[in-house]
PDB file of N, CA and C in Angstrom:
ATOM      1  N   MET A   1       0.854  -1.176   0.000  1.00  0.00           N
ATOM      2  CA  MET A   1       0.000   0.000   0.000  1.00  0.00           C
ATOM      3  C   MET A   1       0.899   1.239   0.000  1.00  0.00           C
ATOM      4  N   ALA A   2       0.553   2.189  -0.827  1.00  0.00           N
ATOM      5  CA  ALA A   2       1.330   3.428  -0.919  1.00  0.00           C
ATOM      6  C   ALA A   2       1.030   4.331   0.281  1.00  0.00           C
ATOM      7  N   ALA A   3       1.941   5.231   0.545  1.00  0.00           N
ATOM      8  CA  ALA A   3       1.828   6.124   1.703  1.00  0.00           C
ATOM      9  C   ALA A   3       0.547   6.958   1.645  1.00  0.00           C
ATOM     10  N   LYS A   4       0.243   7.493   0.494  1.00  0.00           N
ATOM     11  CA  LYS A   4      -0.941   8.352   0.352  1.00  0.00           C
ATOM     12  C   LYS A   4      -2.220   7.577   0.682  1.00  0.00           C
ATOM     13  N   GLU A   5      -2.351   6.379   0.137  1.00  0.00           N
ATOM     14  CA  GLU A   5      -3.547   5.573   0.379  1.00  0.00           C
ATOM     15  C   GLU A   5      -3.666   5.149   1.840  1.00  0.00           C
ATOM     16  N   LEU A   6      -2.531   4.853   2.471  1.00  0.00           N
ATOM     17  CA  LEU A   6      -2.541   4.467   3.878  1.00  0.00           C
ATOM     18  C   LEU A   6      -3.039   5.615   4.751  1.00  0.00           C
ATOM     19  N   VAL A   7      -2.501   6.809   4.535  1.00  0.00           N
ATOM     20  CA  VAL A   7      -2.915   7.972   5.321  1.00  0.00           C
ATOM     21  C   VAL A   7      -4.392   8.264   5.094  1.00  0.00           C
ATOM     22  N   GLU A   8      -4.837   8.174   3.855  1.00  0.00           N
ATOM     23  CA  GLU A   8      -6.244   8.443   3.546  1.00  0.00           C
ATOM     24  C   GLU A   8      -7.164   7.429   4.218  1.00  0.00           C
ATOM     25  N   PHE A   9      -6.801   6.155   4.183  1.00  0.00           N
ATOM     26  CA  PHE A   9      -7.615   5.117   4.802  1.00  0.00           C
ATOM     27  C   PHE A   9      -7.745   5.323   6.310  1.00  0.00           C
ATOM     28  N   VAL A  10      -6.614   5.566   6.961  1.00  0.00           N
ATOM     29  CA  VAL A  10      -6.627   5.753   8.412  1.00  0.00           C
ATOM     30  C   VAL A  10      -7.418   7.008   8.782  1.00  0.00           C
ATOM     31  N   ALA A  11      -7.205   8.100   8.064  1.00  0.00           N
ATOM     32  CA  ALA A  11      -7.898   9.357   8.370  1.00  0.00           C
ATOM     33  C   ALA A  11      -9.411   9.215   8.186  1.00  0.00           C
ATOM     34  N   ARG A  12      -9.831   8.591   7.089  1.00  0.00           N
ATOM     35  CA  ARG A  12     -11.278   8.411   6.855  1.00  0.00           C
ATOM     36  C   ARG A  12     -11.905   7.527   7.924  1.00  0.00           C
ATOM     37  N   SER A  13     -11.141   6.587   8.467  1.00  0.00           N
ATOM     38  CA  SER A  13     -11.646   5.706   9.517  1.00  0.00           C
ATOM     39  C   SER A  13     -11.813   6.431  10.843  1.00  0.00           C
ATOM     40  N   LEU A  14     -11.043   7.475  11.065  1.00  0.00           N
ATOM     41  CA  LEU A  14     -11.049   8.170  12.352  1.00  0.00           C
ATOM     42  C   LEU A  14     -12.081   9.290  12.450  1.00  0.00           C
ATOM     43  N   VAL A  15     -12.345   9.987  11.374  1.00  0.00           N
ATOM     44  CA  VAL A  15     -13.112  11.229  11.429  1.00  0.00           C
ATOM     45  C   VAL A  15     -14.615  11.001  11.330  1.00  0.00           C
ATOM     46  N   ASP A  16     -15.389  12.036  11.721  1.00  0.00           N
ATOM     47  CA  ASP A  16     -16.842  12.001  11.602  1.00  0.00           C
ATOM     48  C   ASP A  16     -17.306  12.351  10.194  1.00  0.00           C
ATOM     49  N   ASP A  17     -16.503  13.133   9.467  1.00  0.00           N
ATOM     50  CA  ASP A  17     -16.854  13.586   8.119  1.00  0.00           C
ATOM     51  C   ASP A  17     -15.815  13.084   7.112  1.00  0.00           C
ATOM     52  N   PRO A  18     -15.913  11.803   6.702  1.00  0.00           N
ATOM     53  CA  PRO A  18     -14.899  11.254   5.803  1.00  0.00           C
ATOM     54  C   PRO A  18     -14.881  11.920   4.425  1.00  0.00           C
ATOM     55  N   ALA A  19     -15.969  12.546   4.036  1.00  0.00           N
ATOM     56  CA  ALA A  19     -16.012  13.220   2.734  1.00  0.00           C
ATOM     57  C   ALA A  19     -15.093  14.440   2.709  1.00  0.00           C
ATOM     58  N   ALA A  20     -14.788  14.994   3.862  1.00  0.00           N
ATOM     59  CA  ALA A  20     -13.945  16.190   3.937  1.00  0.00           C
ATOM     60  C   ALA A  20     -12.456  15.862   3.950  1.00  0.00           C
ATOM     61  N   VAL A  21     -12.116  14.585   4.022  1.00  0.00           N
ATOM     62  CA  VAL A  21     -10.703  14.181   4.046  1.00  0.00           C
ATOM     63  C   VAL A  21     -10.124  14.319   2.642  1.00  0.00           C
ATOM     64  N   ARG A  22      -8.987  14.984   2.570  1.00  0.00           N
ATOM     65  CA  ARG A  22      -8.286  15.150   1.296  1.00  0.00           C
ATOM     66  C   ARG A  22      -6.797  14.942   1.563  1.00  0.00           C
ATOM     67  N   VAL A  23      -6.168  14.116   0.743  1.00  0.00           N
ATOM     68  CA  VAL A  23      -4.757  13.805   0.911  1.00  0.00           C
ATOM     69  C   VAL A  23      -4.046  14.136  -0.393  1.00  0.00           C
ATOM     70  N   GLU A  24      -2.972  14.906  -0.279  1.00  0.00           N
ATOM     71  CA  GLU A  24      -2.178  15.278  -1.451  1.00  0.00           C
ATOM     72  C   GLU A  24      -0.742  14.829  -1.235  1.00  0.00           C
ATOM     73  N   GLU A  25      -0.128  14.397  -2.305  1.00  0.00           N
ATOM     74  CA  GLU A  25       1.266  13.968  -2.255  1.00  0.00           C
ATOM     75  C   GLU A  25       2.102  14.981  -3.027  1.00  0.00           C
ATOM     76  N   VAL A  26       3.064  15.585  -2.343  1.00  0.00           N
ATOM     77  CA  VAL A  26       3.922  16.600  -2.947  1.00  0.00           C
ATOM     78  C   VAL A  26       5.358  16.107  -2.894  1.00  0.00           C
ATOM     79  N   ARG A  27       6.031  16.139  -4.025  1.00  0.00           N
ATOM     80  CA  ARG A  27       7.441  15.747  -4.068  1.00  0.00           C
ATOM     81  C   ARG A  27       8.308  17.008  -4.023  1.00  0.00           C
ATOM     82  N   ASP A  28       9.344  16.972  -3.188  1.00  0.00           N
ATOM     83  CA  ASP A  28      10.300  18.079  -3.133  1.00  0.00           C
ATOM     84  C   ASP A  28      11.712  17.509  -3.063  1.00  0.00           C
ATOM     85  N   ASP A  29      12.692  18.363  -2.798  1.00  0.00           N
ATOM     86  CA  ASP A  29      14.105  17.928  -2.787  1.00  0.00           C
ATOM     87  C   ASP A  29      14.379  16.872  -1.723  1.00  0.00           C
ATOM     88  N   GLU A  30      13.640  16.929  -0.630  1.00  0.00           N
ATOM     89  CA  GLU A  30      13.899  16.055   0.514  1.00  0.00           C
ATOM     90  C   GLU A  30      13.068  14.779   0.505  1.00  0.00           C
ATOM     91  N   GLY A  31      12.239  14.549  -0.505  1.00  0.00           N
ATOM     92  CA  GLY A  31      11.418  13.341  -0.576  1.00  0.00           C
ATOM     93  C   GLY A  31       9.964  13.673  -0.836  1.00  0.00           C
ATOM     94  N   ILE A  32       9.091  12.889  -0.227  1.00  0.00           N
ATOM     95  CA  ILE A  32       7.648  13.041  -0.412  1.00  0.00           C
ATOM     96  C   ILE A  32       7.046  13.653   0.843  1.00  0.00           C
ATOM     97  N   VAL A  33       6.153  14.623   0.635  1.00  0.00           N
ATOM     98  CA  VAL A  33       5.402  15.217   1.735  1.00  0.00           C
ATOM     99  C   VAL A  33       3.936  14.867   1.513  1.00  0.00           C
ATOM    100  N   ILE A  34       3.328  14.205   2.495  1.00  0.00           N
ATOM    101  CA  ILE A  34       1.905  13.876   2.445  1.00  0.00           C
ATOM    102  C   ILE A  34       1.171  14.975   3.207  1.00  0.00           C
ATOM    103  N   GLU A  35       0.282  15.682   2.524  1.00  0.00           N
ATOM    104  CA  GLU A  35      -0.510  16.744   3.147  1.00  0.00           C
ATOM    105  C   GLU A  35      -1.913  16.205   3.403  1.00  0.00           C
ATOM    106  N   LEU A  36      -2.306  16.189   4.665  1.00  0.00           N
ATOM    107  CA  LEU A  36      -3.612  15.679   5.076  1.00  0.00           C
ATOM    108  C   LEU A  36      -4.500  16.850   5.469  1.00  0.00           C
ATOM    109  N   HIS A  37      -5.626  16.984   4.776  1.00  0.00           N
ATOM    110  CA  HIS A  37      -6.598  18.034   5.067  1.00  0.00           C
ATOM    111  C   HIS A  37      -7.869  17.366   5.601  1.00  0.00           C
ATOM    112  N   VAL A  38      -8.355  17.826   6.755  1.00  0.00           N
ATOM    113  CA  VAL A  38      -9.593  17.306   7.329  1.00  0.00           C
ATOM    114  C   VAL A  38     -10.457  18.480   7.758  1.00  0.00           C
ATOM    115  N   ALA A  39     -11.721  18.197   8.072  1.00  0.00           N
ATOM    116  CA  ALA A  39     -12.626  19.233   8.559  1.00  0.00           C
ATOM    117  C   ALA A  39     -12.099  19.769   9.888  1.00  0.00           C
ATOM    118  N   GLU A  40     -12.384  21.023  10.151  1.00  0.00           N
ATOM    119  CA  GLU A  40     -11.910  21.689  11.373  1.00  0.00           C
ATOM    120  C   GLU A  40     -12.328  20.919  12.630  1.00  0.00           C
ATOM    121  N   ASP A  41     -13.550  20.395  12.640  1.00  0.00           N
ATOM    122  CA  ASP A  41     -14.052  19.670  13.817  1.00  0.00           C
ATOM    123  C   ASP A  41     -13.345  18.326  14.034  1.00  0.00           C
ATOM    124  N   ASP A  42     -12.773  17.774  12.985  1.00  0.00           N
ATOM    125  CA  ASP A  42     -12.118  16.469  13.077  1.00  0.00           C
ATOM    126  C   ASP A  42     -10.616  16.562  13.319  1.00  0.00           C
ATOM    127  N   MET A  43     -10.079  17.754  13.394  1.00  0.00           N
ATOM    128  CA  MET A  43      -8.635  17.935  13.554  1.00  0.00           C
ATOM    129  C   MET A  43      -8.126  17.227  14.814  1.00  0.00           C
ATOM    130  N   GLY A  44      -8.859  17.327  15.905  1.00  0.00           N
ATOM    131  CA  GLY A  44      -8.440  16.695  17.158  1.00  0.00           C
ATOM    132  C   GLY A  44      -8.401  15.186  17.076  1.00  0.00           C
ATOM    133  N   LYS A  45      -9.290  14.600  16.295  1.00  0.00           N
ATOM    134  CA  LYS A  45      -9.310  13.143  16.161  1.00  0.00           C
ATOM    135  C   LYS A  45      -8.114  12.642  15.378  1.00  0.00           C
ATOM    136  N   VAL A  46      -7.675  13.410  14.402  1.00  0.00           N
ATOM    137  CA  VAL A  46      -6.535  13.003  13.584  1.00  0.00           C
ATOM    138  C   VAL A  46      -5.229  13.228  14.333  1.00  0.00           C
ATOM    139  N   ILE A  47      -5.167  14.266  15.145  1.00  0.00           N
ATOM    140  CA  ILE A  47      -3.944  14.545  15.909  1.00  0.00           C
ATOM    141  C   ILE A  47      -3.876  13.650  17.145  1.00  0.00           C
ATOM    142  N   GLY A  48      -4.989  13.494  17.847  1.00  0.00           N
ATOM    143  CA  GLY A  48      -5.029  12.639  19.028  1.00  0.00           C
ATOM    144  C   GLY A  48      -4.544  13.355  20.264  1.00  0.00           C
ATOM    145  N   ARG A  49      -4.737  12.712  21.393  1.00  0.00           N
ATOM    146  CA  ARG A  49      -4.314  13.285  22.667  1.00  0.00           C
ATOM    147  C   ARG A  49      -2.793  13.333  22.711  1.00  0.00           C
ATOM    148  N   ASN A  50      -2.268  14.521  22.948  1.00  0.00           N
ATOM    149  CA  ASN A  50      -0.817  14.759  22.961  1.00  0.00           C
ATOM    150  C   ASN A  50      -0.139  14.327  21.662  1.00  0.00           C
ATOM    151  N   GLY A  51      -0.897  14.329  20.573  1.00  0.00           N
ATOM    152  CA  GLY A  51      -0.320  13.994  19.272  1.00  0.00           C
ATOM    153  C   GLY A  51      -0.094  12.519  19.036  1.00  0.00           C
ATOM    154  N   SER A  52      -0.757  11.672  19.808  1.00  0.00           N
ATOM    155  CA  SER A  52      -0.494  10.229  19.723  1.00  0.00           C
ATOM    156  C   SER A  52      -0.892   9.625  18.378  1.00  0.00           C
ATOM    157  N   VAL A  53      -2.016  10.041  17.814  1.00  0.00           N
ATOM    158  CA  VAL A  53      -2.446   9.490  16.526  1.00  0.00           C
ATOM    159  C   VAL A  53      -1.520   9.972  15.414  1.00  0.00           C
ATOM    160  N   ALA A  54      -1.195  11.250  15.421  1.00  0.00           N
ATOM    161  CA  ALA A  54      -0.277  11.799  14.413  1.00  0.00           C
ATOM    162  C   ALA A  54       1.083  11.119  14.505  1.00  0.00           C
ATOM    163  N   LYS A  55       1.537  10.854  15.711  1.00  0.00           N
ATOM    164  CA  LYS A  55       2.823  10.185  15.918  1.00  0.00           C
ATOM    165  C   LYS A  55       2.778   8.762  15.356  1.00  0.00           C
ATOM    166  N   ALA A  56       1.659   8.064  15.560  1.00  0.00           N
ATOM    167  CA  ALA A  56       1.511   6.707  15.040  1.00  0.00           C
ATOM    168  C   ALA A  56       1.495   6.712  13.513  1.00  0.00           C
ATOM    169  N   LEU A  57       0.815   7.684  12.914  1.00  0.00           N
ATOM    170  CA  LEU A  57       0.804   7.800  11.456  1.00  0.00           C
ATOM    171  C   LEU A  57       2.214   8.042  10.922  1.00  0.00           C
ATOM    172  N   ARG A  58       2.949   8.907  11.585  1.00  0.00           N
ATOM    173  CA  ARG A  58       4.314   9.187  11.146  1.00  0.00           C
ATOM    174  C   ARG A  58       5.208   7.955  11.284  1.00  0.00           C
ATOM    175  N   THR A  59       4.972   7.143  12.309  1.00  0.00           N
ATOM    176  CA  THR A  59       5.731   5.908  12.483  1.00  0.00           C
ATOM    177  C   THR A  59       5.451   4.941  11.333  1.00  0.00           C
ATOM    178  N   LEU A  60       4.181   4.825  10.942  1.00  0.00           N
ATOM    179  CA  LEU A  60       3.839   3.979   9.797  1.00  0.00           C
ATOM    180  C   LEU A  60       4.503   4.483   8.521  1.00  0.00           C
ATOM    181  N   LEU A  61       4.560   5.797   8.372  1.00  0.00           N
ATOM    182  CA  LEU A  61       5.197   6.362   7.183  1.00  0.00           C
ATOM    183  C   LEU A  61       6.706   6.114   7.177  1.00  0.00           C
ATOM    184  N   LYS A  62       7.321   6.042   8.363  1.00  0.00           N
ATOM    185  CA  LYS A  62       8.751   5.720   8.437  1.00  0.00           C
ATOM    186  C   LYS A  62       9.006   4.302   7.940  1.00  0.00           C
ATOM    187  N   VAL A  63       8.081   3.392   8.231  1.00  0.00           N
ATOM    188  CA  VAL A  63       8.217   2.016   7.761  1.00  0.00           C
ATOM    189  C   VAL A  63       8.130   1.975   6.239  1.00  0.00           C
ATOM    190  N   ILE A  64       7.165   2.694   5.684  1.00  0.00           N
ATOM    191  CA  ILE A  64       7.019   2.753   4.227  1.00  0.00           C
ATOM    192  C   ILE A  64       8.249   3.406   3.609  1.00  0.00           C
ATOM    193  N   SER A  65       8.752   4.442   4.260  1.00  0.00           N
ATOM    194  CA  SER A  65       9.939   5.134   3.775  1.00  0.00           C
ATOM    195  C   SER A  65      11.141   4.199   3.737  1.00  0.00           C
ATOM    196  N   ALA A  66      11.310   3.400   4.764  1.00  0.00           N
ATOM    197  CA  ALA A  66      12.433   2.460   4.815  1.00  0.00           C
ATOM    198  C   ALA A  66      12.290   1.385   3.741  1.00  0.00           C
ATOM    199  N   ARG A  67      11.058   0.958   3.501  1.00  0.00           N
ATOM    200  CA  ARG A  67      10.817  -0.073   2.492  1.00  0.00           C
ATOM    201  C   ARG A  67      11.108   0.450   1.089  1.00  0.00           C
ATOM    202  N   ASP A  68      10.653   1.684   0.809  1.00  0.00           N
ATOM    203  CA  ASP A  68      10.786   2.252  -0.531  1.00  0.00           C
ATOM    204  C   ASP A  68      12.102   2.987  -0.749  1.00  0.00           C
ATOM    205  N   GLY A  69      12.793   3.326   0.328  1.00  0.00           N
ATOM    206  CA  GLY A  69      14.066   4.023   0.199  1.00  0.00           C
ATOM    207  C   GLY A  69      13.937   5.496  -0.119  1.00  0.00           C
ATOM    208  N   GLU A  70      12.768   6.082   0.112  1.00  0.00           N
ATOM    209  CA  GLU A  70      12.555   7.500  -0.136  1.00  0.00           C
ATOM    210  C   GLU A  70      11.908   8.130   1.100  1.00  0.00           C
ATOM    211  N   PRO A  71      12.443   9.240   1.602  1.00  0.00           N
ATOM    212  CA  PRO A  71      11.879   9.875   2.799  1.00  0.00           C
ATOM    213  C   PRO A  71      10.427  10.324   2.585  1.00  0.00           C
ATOM    214  N   VAL A  72       9.579  10.047   3.583  1.00  0.00           N
ATOM    215  CA  VAL A  72       8.175  10.454   3.540  1.00  0.00           C
ATOM    216  C   VAL A  72       7.869  11.173   4.833  1.00  0.00           C
ATOM    217  N   SER A  73       7.217  12.344   4.731  1.00  0.00           N
ATOM    218  CA  SER A  73       6.814  13.074   5.929  1.00  0.00           C
ATOM    219  C   SER A  73       5.332  13.410   5.835  1.00  0.00           C
ATOM    220  N   LEU A  74       4.728  13.733   6.972  1.00  0.00           N
ATOM    221  CA  LEU A  74       3.300  14.023   7.055  1.00  0.00           C
ATOM    222  C   LEU A  74       3.083  15.420   7.598  1.00  0.00           C
ATOM    223  N   GLU A  75       2.210  16.165   6.926  1.00  0.00           N
ATOM    224  CA  GLU A  75       1.765  17.474   7.415  1.00  0.00           C
ATOM    225  C   GLU A  75       0.252  17.417   7.538  1.00  0.00           C
ATOM    226  N   ILE A  76      -0.252  17.767   8.706  1.00  0.00           N
ATOM    227  CA  ILE A  76      -1.695  17.793   8.935  1.00  0.00           C
ATOM    228  C   ILE A  76      -2.143  19.243   8.863  1.00  0.00           C
ATOM    229  N   LEU A  77      -2.987  19.537   7.881  1.00  0.00           N
ATOM    230  CA  LEU A  77      -3.418  20.920   7.643  1.00  0.00           C
ATOM    231  C   LEU A  77      -4.902  21.076   7.881  1.00  0.00           C
TER     232      LEU A  77
END
């Protein structure tokens, strides 16, 4: 599973408004940046208490990054 699809699947599973979830993949000099956009009311669910959900998502992306050999980072907007 690609990084973009993984982030989209997890985000849609967590939020109350899955239609508002939008994931964009941007390539830059340092690798791939996954931009996750969610509804304002769902921001807390995606970030989690003390950032625990966001941290878990970033950990999953590190695994994908190691497998593919290209750095992947996550930005929650």
